[in-house]
Protein backbone atom coordinates (compact mmCIF):
# COMPACT_ATOMS: atom_id res chain seq x y z
CA MET A 1 -21.06 15.51 56.09
CA GLY A 2 -18.05 13.33 54.93
CA LEU A 3 -14.63 14.52 54.39
CA ALA A 4 -14.76 13.19 50.80
CA LEU A 5 -17.86 15.39 50.06
CA LEU A 6 -16.31 18.36 51.82
CA LEU A 7 -13.26 18.05 49.73
CA SER A 8 -15.09 17.78 46.26
CA GLY A 9 -14.41 20.37 43.71
CA PHE A 10 -11.31 21.78 45.21
CA THR A 11 -8.24 23.08 43.46
CA SER A 12 -5.56 23.94 45.92
CA ALA A 13 -3.45 27.05 45.36
CA THR A 14 0.23 26.58 45.55
CA ALA A 15 2.85 29.37 46.61
CA ASP A 16 2.55 30.78 43.10
CA ASP A 17 -0.95 30.12 42.30
CA ILE A 18 -2.61 33.38 44.06
CA ILE A 19 -4.13 34.88 41.02
CA SER A 20 -5.02 38.55 41.56
CA GLY A 21 -8.73 39.41 41.18
CA GLU A 22 -9.70 35.68 41.56
CA THR A 23 -12.27 34.28 44.02
CA TYR A 24 -10.92 31.93 46.82
CA ARG A 25 -12.32 30.17 49.98
CA ILE A 26 -9.92 30.69 52.92
CA CYS A 27 -9.93 27.23 54.69
CA THR A 28 -8.20 25.20 57.46
CA THR A 29 -5.40 22.93 55.99
CA ASP A 30 -7.66 19.76 56.03
CA GLY A 31 -10.29 21.57 53.89
CA THR A 32 -13.20 20.88 56.41
CA ARG A 33 -13.89 24.67 57.27
CA ALA A 34 -13.90 27.93 55.54
CA LEU A 35 -13.97 31.55 56.53
CA SER A 36 -17.45 32.88 56.28
CA THR A 37 -19.24 36.15 56.67
CA CYS A 38 -22.33 34.01 57.84
CA GLY A 39 -24.51 36.71 56.00
CA SER A 40 -23.40 39.59 58.43
CA ASN A 41 -22.08 42.04 55.90
CA LYS A 42 -21.59 45.28 57.92
CA ASN A 43 -19.08 47.13 59.81
CA ASP A 44 -17.57 45.35 62.85
CA ALA A 45 -19.16 41.94 61.64
CA VAL A 46 -16.91 39.26 62.83
CA PRO A 47 -16.21 36.33 60.27
CA ARG A 48 -16.27 32.77 61.62
CA MET A 49 -14.68 29.50 60.51
CA VAL A 50 -17.54 27.18 59.63
CA LEU A 51 -17.94 23.68 57.88
CA LEU A 52 -17.18 24.12 54.26
CA ASP A 53 -20.14 24.46 51.93
CA THR A 54 -19.25 24.87 48.31
CA THR A 55 -22.54 26.34 47.41
CA ASP A 56 -22.40 29.26 49.99
CA ASP A 57 -21.29 32.29 48.72
CA ASN A 58 -20.68 33.75 52.00
CA GLN A 59 -17.51 31.66 52.11
CA THR A 60 -15.97 33.41 49.14
CA TRP A 61 -13.49 36.13 48.95
CA THR A 62 -11.94 38.11 45.92
CA ILE A 63 -8.14 38.34 46.79
CA THR A 64 -6.50 41.24 44.85
CA GLN A 65 -2.71 41.97 44.72
CA SER A 66 -1.30 45.65 45.09
CA GLY A 67 2.54 45.74 45.35
CA ASP A 68 3.54 43.66 48.23
CA TYR A 69 0.18 43.20 49.95
CA TYR A 70 -3.28 41.95 49.05
CA THR A 71 -6.95 42.99 50.00
CA VAL A 72 -9.52 40.31 50.85
CA LYS A 73 -12.89 41.47 49.74
CA THR A 74 -16.24 39.37 50.37
CA THR A 75 -18.21 38.65 47.20
CA GLN A 76 -21.43 39.54 48.82
CA GLY A 77 -20.84 43.20 49.49
CA ASN A 78 -18.27 46.02 49.56
CA PHE A 79 -16.61 44.95 52.70
CA CYS A 80 -13.07 43.77 53.25
CA LEU A 81 -11.31 41.61 55.92
CA ASP A 82 -9.89 44.28 58.39
CA ASN A 83 -7.29 43.73 61.10
CA PRO A 84 -8.78 45.71 63.88
CA SER A 85 -5.68 47.17 65.67
CA GLU A 86 -2.06 46.46 66.59
CA ASN A 87 -3.25 45.09 70.19
CA HIS A 88 -6.18 43.13 68.77
CA THR A 89 -8.01 43.23 71.90
CA GLY A 90 -11.11 45.08 70.73
CA PHE A 91 -12.53 41.84 69.02
CA SER A 92 -11.05 39.19 71.09
CA ASN A 93 -8.08 38.89 68.78
CA GLN A 94 -10.44 38.22 65.75
CA VAL A 95 -10.35 39.57 62.45
CA CYS A 96 -13.42 41.67 61.49
CA LEU A 97 -15.17 43.05 58.45
CA TRP A 98 -15.32 46.73 57.49
CA GLN A 99 -16.33 48.83 54.36
CA THR A 100 -13.63 48.84 51.82
CA SER A 101 -11.41 51.77 52.41
CA GLY A 102 -7.93 51.10 51.32
CA GLY A 103 -6.51 51.69 54.70
CA ASN A 104 -3.30 49.56 55.91
CA ASN A 105 -5.61 47.66 58.22
CA GLN A 106 -7.17 46.05 55.23
CA LYS A 107 -3.88 44.99 53.63
CA TRP A 108 -2.50 41.32 53.91
CA THR A 109 0.43 39.20 53.29
CA PHE A 110 0.10 35.60 52.48
CA GLU A 111 3.43 33.94 53.50
CA ALA A 112 3.97 30.78 51.58
CA THR A 113 4.93 27.69 53.53
CA GLY A 114 6.31 25.72 50.53
CA ASP A 115 3.62 22.89 50.62
CA GLY A 116 0.82 25.04 49.15
CA ASP A 117 -0.39 26.48 52.46
CA TYR A 118 -0.08 30.07 53.70
CA TYR A 119 0.29 32.09 57.05
CA MET A 120 -2.16 35.18 56.74
CA ILE A 121 -0.44 38.03 58.24
CA PRO A 122 -1.53 41.76 58.56
CA PHE A 123 0.63 43.79 56.42
CA GLU A 124 0.69 46.57 59.03
CA SER A 125 1.68 44.15 61.74
CA SER A 126 5.18 44.66 63.22
CA ASP A 127 5.22 41.22 64.72
CA LYS A 128 5.60 38.82 61.63
CA SER A 129 5.86 35.79 64.03
CA LYS A 130 2.04 35.85 64.36
CA CYS A 131 -0.77 35.24 61.93
CA TYR A 132 -4.64 34.83 61.66
CA ALA A 133 -5.92 31.14 61.69
CA TYR A 134 -8.49 28.92 63.05
CA ASP A 135 -8.10 27.94 66.65
CA GLU A 136 -9.90 24.60 67.35
CA THR A 137 -10.03 25.26 71.30
CA SER A 138 -11.78 28.67 71.06
CA ASP A 139 -13.55 27.93 67.69
CA LYS A 140 -12.51 31.36 66.28
CA PHE A 141 -10.42 32.82 63.61
CA VAL A 142 -7.78 34.59 65.85
CA PHE A 143 -4.37 36.38 66.01
CA GLN A 144 -1.92 33.76 67.25
CA THR A 145 1.55 32.48 67.07
CA LYS A 146 2.70 30.81 63.79
CA THR A 147 2.86 26.96 64.14
CA GLU A 148 2.26 24.14 61.69
CA THR A 149 -1.50 24.34 62.77
CA THR A 150 -1.99 27.97 62.11
CA ARG A 151 -1.96 27.78 58.37
CA VAL A 152 -4.64 28.40 55.94
CA LYS A 153 -5.27 26.93 52.58
CA LEU A 154 -6.86 29.12 49.46
CA THR A 155 -8.95 27.08 47.33
CA LYS A 156 -10.47 28.36 44.12
CA ALA A 157 -14.18 29.29 44.37
CA ASN A 158 -16.41 28.78 41.39
CA THR A 159 -19.35 31.22 41.99
CA SER A 160 -20.34 30.88 38.15
CA LYS A 161 -24.15 30.27 37.75
CA THR A 162 -25.51 28.26 34.78
CA PRO A 163 -29.11 28.34 33.50
CA LEU A 164 -31.92 25.72 34.54
CA ALA A 165 -33.14 24.01 31.36
CA VAL A 166 -36.85 23.40 31.66
CA ASP A 167 -39.22 22.23 29.08
CA GLY A 168 -43.08 22.19 30.01
CA TYR A 169 -45.87 23.72 31.64
CA TYR A 170 -45.37 25.56 34.80
CA ALA A 171 -46.79 28.07 37.28
CA LEU A 172 -44.75 30.90 38.61
CA GLN A 173 -45.28 31.25 42.56
CA VAL A 174 -43.64 33.92 44.90
CA VAL A 175 -41.50 32.43 47.57
CA SER A 176 -40.89 34.94 50.25
CA THR A 177 -38.26 34.32 52.83
CA LEU A 178 -36.74 36.15 55.83
CA PRO A 179 -35.04 38.55 56.53
CA ASN A 180 -37.16 40.41 53.59
CA TYR A 181 -40.23 38.37 54.01
CA ASN A 182 -43.18 39.72 51.56
CA ALA A 183 -46.39 38.87 53.53
CA ALA A 184 -48.42 40.43 50.72
CA ALA A 185 -47.06 38.35 48.02
CA ASP A 186 -45.98 35.13 49.58
CA GLY A 187 -47.53 32.00 47.94
CA LYS A 188 -49.19 33.95 45.27
CA PHE A 189 -49.17 33.08 41.67
CA PHE A 190 -48.43 35.08 38.49
CA ALA A 191 -51.50 35.55 36.57
CA PHE A 192 -51.52 37.16 33.02
CA SER A 193 -54.52 39.10 31.61
CA SER A 194 -55.51 38.74 27.88
CA THR A 195 -53.00 41.50 26.90
CA GLY A 196 -50.17 39.62 28.89
CA ALA A 197 -50.12 42.38 31.78
CA PRO A 198 -48.65 40.30 34.95
CA SER A 199 -50.45 40.43 38.13
CA LEU A 200 -50.41 38.42 41.48
CA THR A 201 -53.30 36.18 42.62
CA ALA A 202 -53.89 33.76 45.56
CA ASN A 203 -56.62 32.07 43.28
CA TYR A 204 -54.71 29.99 40.75
CA THR A 205 -56.59 29.40 37.36
CA TYR A 206 -55.44 27.06 34.64
CA GLU A 207 -56.08 29.66 31.99
CA LYS A 208 -54.40 32.69 33.48
CA CYS A 209 -51.50 31.29 35.53
CA ARG A 210 -50.30 28.45 33.27
CA LEU A 211 -47.02 29.08 31.50
CA GLN A 212 -45.37 26.89 28.53
CA ILE A 213 -41.57 27.41 29.19
CA THR A 214 -39.04 26.11 26.68
CA THR A 215 -35.14 26.43 26.88
CA ASP A 216 -33.00 26.17 23.85
CA LYS A 217 -29.56 24.53 23.86
CA ASN A 218 -27.90 28.05 24.67
CA GLY A 219 -30.09 28.18 27.93
CA ILE A 220 -32.33 30.93 26.53
CA ALA A 221 -35.94 30.35 27.65
CA SER A 222 -39.15 31.46 25.98
CA LEU A 223 -42.30 31.94 28.02
CA VAL A 224 -45.74 31.42 26.22
CA ILE A 225 -49.24 31.75 27.62
CA PRO A 226 -50.98 28.65 26.15
CA SER A 227 -54.52 29.97 26.76
CA THR A 228 -54.07 33.29 24.59
CA GLU A 229 -51.29 31.83 22.27
CA LYS A 230 -48.98 34.75 23.10
CA TYR A 231 -45.45 34.98 24.22
CA LEU A 232 -43.82 37.31 26.78
CA TYR A 233 -41.47 39.87 26.25
CA LEU A 234 -39.94 42.79 28.07
CA GLN A 235 -41.15 46.19 27.71
CA SER A 236 -39.30 48.59 29.64
CA THR A 237 -39.45 47.28 33.25
CA THR A 238 -42.39 45.09 32.89
CA LEU A 239 -43.70 41.94 30.86
CA ARG A 240 -46.29 42.27 28.01
CA ALA A 241 -47.43 39.46 25.44
CA THR A 242 -47.96 39.39 21.68
CA SER A 243 -49.32 36.86 19.17
CA LEU A 244 -46.84 34.00 18.36
CA THR A 245 -46.92 35.11 14.86
CA ASP A 246 -45.45 38.61 15.60
CA ASP A 247 -41.70 38.62 15.20
CA THR A 248 -41.06 42.25 16.14
CA LYS A 249 -40.72 41.63 19.74
CA LYS A 250 -38.65 38.42 19.51
CA GLY A 251 -35.49 40.32 20.50
CA ASN A 252 -36.79 41.34 23.90
CA ALA A 253 -38.42 37.81 24.53
CA LYS A 254 -35.28 36.00 25.90
CA PHE A 255 -35.25 35.05 29.34
CA VAL A 256 -32.71 33.09 31.47
CA ILE A 257 -33.87 30.91 34.60
CA TYR A 258 -31.25 30.40 37.37
CA ALA A 259 -31.86 28.02 40.11
CA ASN A 260 -30.46 27.69 43.76
CA SER A 261 -29.97 23.88 42.94
CA GLU A 262 -29.18 21.75 40.10
CA THR A 263 -32.47 19.97 39.73
CA LEU A 264 -36.00 21.24 39.80
CA ASP A 265 -38.11 20.06 42.63
CA PHE A 266 -40.67 21.56 45.16
CA ASP A 267 -37.77 23.28 47.27
CA THR A 268 -36.00 24.84 44.21
CA GLU A 269 -35.89 28.43 44.24
CA VAL A 270 -35.45 30.33 40.89
CA ALA A 271 -34.37 33.70 39.59
CA ILE A 272 -35.56 34.78 36.27
CA HIS A 273 -33.54 37.21 34.23
CA ALA A 274 -35.00 39.19 31.25
CA GLY A 275 -32.02 38.89 28.84
CA SER A 276 -29.70 36.38 27.45
CA THR A 277 -26.92 36.44 29.99
CA THR A 278 -26.25 32.63 30.31
CA ASP A 279 -22.99 32.64 32.29
CA ALA A 280 -23.26 34.69 35.73
CA SER A 281 -22.26 34.59 39.33
CA ASN A 282 -24.44 35.02 42.27
CA ASN A 283 -23.07 38.81 42.66
CA THR A 284 -23.84 39.71 39.01
CA SER A 285 -26.42 42.43 38.56
CA LEU A 286 -29.04 41.29 36.25
CA LYS A 287 -32.39 42.35 35.14
CA VAL A 288 -34.46 39.99 37.14
CA PHE A 289 -38.18 39.59 37.96
CA THR A 290 -38.84 41.21 41.34
CA VAL A 291 -41.99 41.55 43.40
CA SER A 292 -42.56 44.49 45.88
CA GLY A 293 -45.78 44.18 47.87
CA ASN A 294 -48.23 43.05 45.19
CA SER A 295 -46.37 44.84 42.33
CA PHE A 296 -44.23 43.26 39.77
CA SER A 297 -41.22 44.78 37.79
CA VAL A 298 -38.04 43.78 36.26
CA THR A 299 -35.11 45.45 38.44
CA SER A 300 -31.45 45.39 38.16
CA LYS A 301 -30.37 43.54 41.27
CA ALA A 302 -27.68 40.89 42.35
CA LEU A 303 -28.55 37.28 41.18
CA SER A 304 -27.86 36.17 44.83
CA LYS A 305 -30.76 38.41 46.13
CA SER A 306 -33.18 37.26 43.39
CA TYR A 307 -34.23 33.55 44.12
CA ALA A 308 -37.78 34.44 45.01
CA PHE A 309 -39.87 32.10 42.76
CA ARG A 310 -40.91 28.71 42.49
CA LEU A 311 -41.75 26.76 39.19
CA VAL A 312 -44.48 24.43 39.58
CA ALA A 313 -44.66 21.73 37.11
CA LEU A 314 -48.14 21.49 35.58
CA PRO A 315 -49.67 18.89 33.27
CA ALA A 316 -49.58 19.45 29.42
CA ALA A 317 -53.08 19.84 27.86
CA LYS A 318 -52.70 16.07 26.61
CA ASP A 319 -52.28 15.02 30.32
CA VAL A 320 -55.68 16.70 31.10
CA GLU A 321 -57.29 15.06 28.04
CA LYS A 322 -56.21 11.71 29.47
CA LEU A 323 -58.02 12.42 32.90
CA LYS A 324 -61.08 13.34 30.90
CA ALA A 325 -60.90 10.17 28.75
CA ALA A 326 -60.66 8.19 31.93
CA ILE A 327 -63.68 9.92 33.24
CA ASP A 328 -65.57 9.30 30.13
CA ALA A 329 -64.64 5.57 30.25
CA ALA A 330 -65.76 5.38 34.02
CA LYS A 331 -68.98 6.84 33.23
CA GLU A 332 -69.74 4.29 30.65
CA ALA A 333 -68.42 1.45 32.81
CA ALA A 334 -70.77 2.70 35.60
CA LYS A 335 -73.96 2.16 33.26
CA SER A 336 -73.44 -1.59 33.83
CA LEU A 337 -73.18 -1.46 37.63
CA THR A 338 -75.95 -1.38 40.20
CA GLY A 339 -76.58 -0.96 43.87
CA ASP A 340 -73.66 -0.12 46.15
CA ALA A 341 -71.13 -0.62 43.16
CA ALA A 342 -72.99 2.00 41.16
CA THR A 343 -72.97 4.40 43.96
CA GLU A 344 -69.15 3.92 44.61
CA ALA A 345 -68.49 4.36 40.95
CA ASN A 346 -70.33 7.54 40.78
CA ALA A 347 -68.48 8.81 43.90
CA ALA A 348 -64.98 7.90 42.19
CA ILE A 349 -66.14 9.69 39.10
CA ALA A 350 -67.32 12.86 41.05
CA GLU A 351 -63.85 12.90 42.80
CA ALA A 352 -61.86 12.66 39.73
CA GLN A 353 -64.14 15.41 38.05
CA SER A 354 -63.64 17.68 41.04
CA GLU A 355 -59.83 17.77 39.96
CA LEU A 356 -60.95 19.17 36.61
CA ASP A 357 -63.07 21.57 38.08
CA TYR A 358 -60.65 22.83 40.82
CA PRO A 359 -58.28 25.33 39.43
CA TYR A 360 -54.92 23.95 40.72
CA VAL A 361 -53.88 20.68 39.43
CA THR A 362 -50.21 19.20 38.96
CA LYS A 363 -48.81 16.59 36.66
CA TYR A 364 -48.48 14.26 39.82
CA GLU A 365 -52.24 14.80 40.74
CA VAL A 366 -53.33 14.07 37.15
CA TYR A 367 -51.58 10.94 37.13
CA MET A 368 -52.63 9.61 40.63
CA ASP A 369 -56.14 10.67 39.56
CA ILE A 370 -56.03 8.44 36.49
CA LYS A 371 -54.58 5.49 38.36
CA THR A 372 -56.98 5.74 41.23
CA LEU A 373 -59.92 5.97 39.09
CA ASN A 374 -59.18 3.11 36.64
CA GLN A 375 -58.15 1.04 39.59
CA LYS A 376 -61.28 1.78 41.29
CA MET A 377 -63.45 0.86 38.31
CA GLU A 378 -61.57 -2.37 37.81
CA ASP A 379 -62.29 -3.48 41.22
CA LEU A 380 -65.94 -2.62 41.14
CA LYS A 381 -66.21 -4.43 37.85
CA ASN A 382 -64.57 -7.53 39.45
CA GLY A 383 -67.02 -7.28 42.46
CA ALA A 384 -64.75 -5.69 45.06
CA SER A 385 -66.56 -4.28 48.04
CA ALA A 386 -66.10 -0.74 49.57
CA SER A 387 -64.51 -1.99 52.53
CA MET A 388 -61.65 -3.91 50.68
CA ASN A 389 -60.74 -0.76 48.75
CA GLN A 390 -61.17 1.74 51.58
CA ASP A 391 -57.33 2.33 52.20
CA PHE A 392 -56.43 2.23 48.50
CA ASN A 393 -59.19 4.81 47.39
CA ALA A 394 -57.73 8.28 48.53
CA THR A 395 -60.31 11.19 48.44
CA THR A 396 -58.61 13.84 46.41
CA GLY A 397 -61.52 16.18 45.84
CA LEU A 398 -62.95 18.93 47.95
CA ASN A 399 -64.48 16.57 50.63
CA ASP A 400 -67.78 16.25 52.43
CA ALA A 401 -66.24 15.46 55.81
CA GLN A 402 -69.54 15.31 57.73
CA SER A 403 -70.03 11.73 56.35
CA GLN A 404 -66.71 10.42 57.55
CA ALA A 405 -64.89 9.90 60.85
CA ILE A 406 -62.22 12.42 60.04
CA LYS A 407 -63.35 16.13 59.75
CA VAL A 408 -61.33 18.57 57.81
CA TYR A 409 -62.43 22.28 57.58
CA THR A 410 -61.16 25.85 57.96
CA SER A 411 -61.84 28.33 60.75
CA ASN A 412 -60.16 31.84 61.02
CA GLY A 413 -57.57 31.30 58.36
CA THR A 414 -56.43 27.84 59.89
CA ILE A 415 -57.03 24.33 58.93
CA VAL A 416 -58.53 22.16 61.49
CA VAL A 417 -58.41 18.36 61.22
CA GLU A 418 -60.34 16.23 63.65
CA ASN A 419 -60.72 12.61 64.54
CA ALA A 420 -57.26 11.79 62.73
CA GLN A 421 -54.39 9.74 64.60
CA THR A 422 -51.79 11.39 62.36
CA TYR A 423 -52.09 14.12 59.58
CA SER A 424 -49.92 16.45 57.65
CA ILE A 425 -50.60 19.59 55.69
CA PHE A 426 -48.84 20.78 52.62
CA ASN A 427 -49.29 23.99 50.69
CA ALA A 428 -49.96 24.10 46.85
CA ALA A 429 -46.29 23.62 45.96
CA GLY A 430 -45.94 20.42 48.07
CA GLN A 431 -44.15 21.83 51.07
CA ARG A 432 -45.28 20.76 54.57
CA VAL A 433 -46.64 23.69 56.73
CA ALA A 434 -47.12 23.59 60.49
CA ALA A 435 -50.66 22.73 61.66
CA ASP A 436 -52.82 25.08 63.89
CA GLN A 437 -51.20 28.36 62.44
CA LYS A 438 -52.81 30.90 60.31
CA LEU A 439 -51.98 30.55 56.75
CA PRO A 440 -52.08 32.54 53.56
CA ASN A 441 -54.86 32.28 51.29
CA GLY A 442 -54.42 29.34 48.64
CA ALA A 443 -54.88 25.63 48.22
CA TYR A 444 -53.63 23.02 50.66
CA ILE A 445 -53.41 19.24 50.73
CA VAL A 446 -54.38 17.40 54.13
CA VAL A 447 -53.15 13.81 54.40
CA ALA A 448 -54.91 12.32 57.39
CA ASN A 449 -55.00 8.48 58.35
CA GLY A 450 -53.97 7.88 54.66
CA GLN A 451 -56.75 9.77 53.13
CA THR A 452 -56.16 13.11 51.25
CA PHE A 453 -58.34 16.22 51.44
CA LYS A 454 -58.03 19.30 49.24
CA VAL A 455 -58.90 22.38 51.11
CA ALA A 456 -59.29 25.81 49.84
CA LEU A 457 -58.45 29.00 52.23
C-alpha cells in the first residue's frame, strides 16, 4: 500500500483543531499507522498501531474535552483508552481499553508541539516527561520518554455512510461471516409468498426471489416483487406486500441500502434499513434487516454489525425474452441442418433452454448464453465441425458428464470433479469456494479445463 494512498482523505489537526466530540484517528506522524482496537472491544484489550485503513472503523476514536482533560472513546463500543497504572508494568507499558467509567485513568492531555502534532500524556501521570506513542522497535504503542519520534497526529475520521444507489432486478442472499456465523441461513435467498411474507430458501426461484429495486435521487429505495406486482412495506418488525395501486402503505415502504464498498459486485455486502435515514455512521442504530436462524425480522442494530446480505444482479424480463428469442431463432435455423450439424444444434439449443428451466440465472449468464448460442449456430451454418468449436462452446446446463472425459457429480454434500487438469468451484453469487469440502445446499458453477458445469446440491 503506497504512502500516497495511505494519506488520501487526511485533514491534519493543528494545536487548536481538536473539536470536542469529533471522531479522529490517532496516527504516527508520517500517517502510515493508526491506533486500532483490532475488533477486541473488551476490558483489558490492548490496542495496536496497525497500517492505516481509512475504511476501518476500529481505528476511529471520539475525543471529548472536559475541562483540562480529554476522554478517548472507541466508536465501536462503550470503551475508553485507559492508562493501566502509574507503574505501567501490568501491560508491558502499553495502554489498554476499559469500559467507560469516568475515572482518572481514562483522562488524557494532548500537549501541542506547535507543528500540528501532539504528545499524548495520561492526565493522572506525575511524570509529564513521558507519553504514549508508537515504538517501532517493539511494534507497540507504549509509555516512553518524550522525543520528536514519540508524537502522534490526530486526523479527522469520516465515518459517515451514504446509500448505495441501485436500479434493476436483484436477489437478496444471506451472507454469514465469523464470529457470528449463521449456518442455518448462510447462502439462502429471501423468498416472498403471494402475500409478500418473507422467508428463506436454499432453492432460488425466479418468481419468488426476484426483486425490482429502484433508488430515487434522495437515496430512498423501493422494493417491488415483479411476479405479484406488489411493493414491500414495513409492518411492525417484518415485511408485507400490497398492490402497486395501494397508496396507504407508501409511508412505510421506504428503504435505504448501505454497502461495505462504493460499488456493487460479488463481494459487496449490504445492510438494508427500513426507513428514510440516508446519512448514517457505522455506529448508528438503524432498523435493519436481520436473520436469526431461519427467521427474519427488522431489528434496531448498529449499522456496522448489519452488513449481512448480498444483492445479486438478475436479468430484467426483457433480457430473458432475448434469450427466448435466440432459442426460437436457433430452432428455426436447425431445421435446415442435417447429420452431425443438426445433432450439435439441438444440443446447443438444449443447453440454452436449460438456463431458462434452471431457476437461478444472472444477467451475465443470460448474456453469455445468447452469445454462445448465436455463435454456435453461425458456425454450424458455415459448416464448422464440432472439433473446431470444442473449446469455444462451454457447457452451461446441468451436464450429462457420463459422455465426457470430465466427470462432475455430487457426493455426501461435496462436489466431485474427475479427469480435469484444473478446475474451480464457484457458489451462486460468484465467489470461489474450496474444493473437496462439504457445501451448503444451493447452486454451484464448476469450471473444469475450460468447460462450465452447473451443479445443484
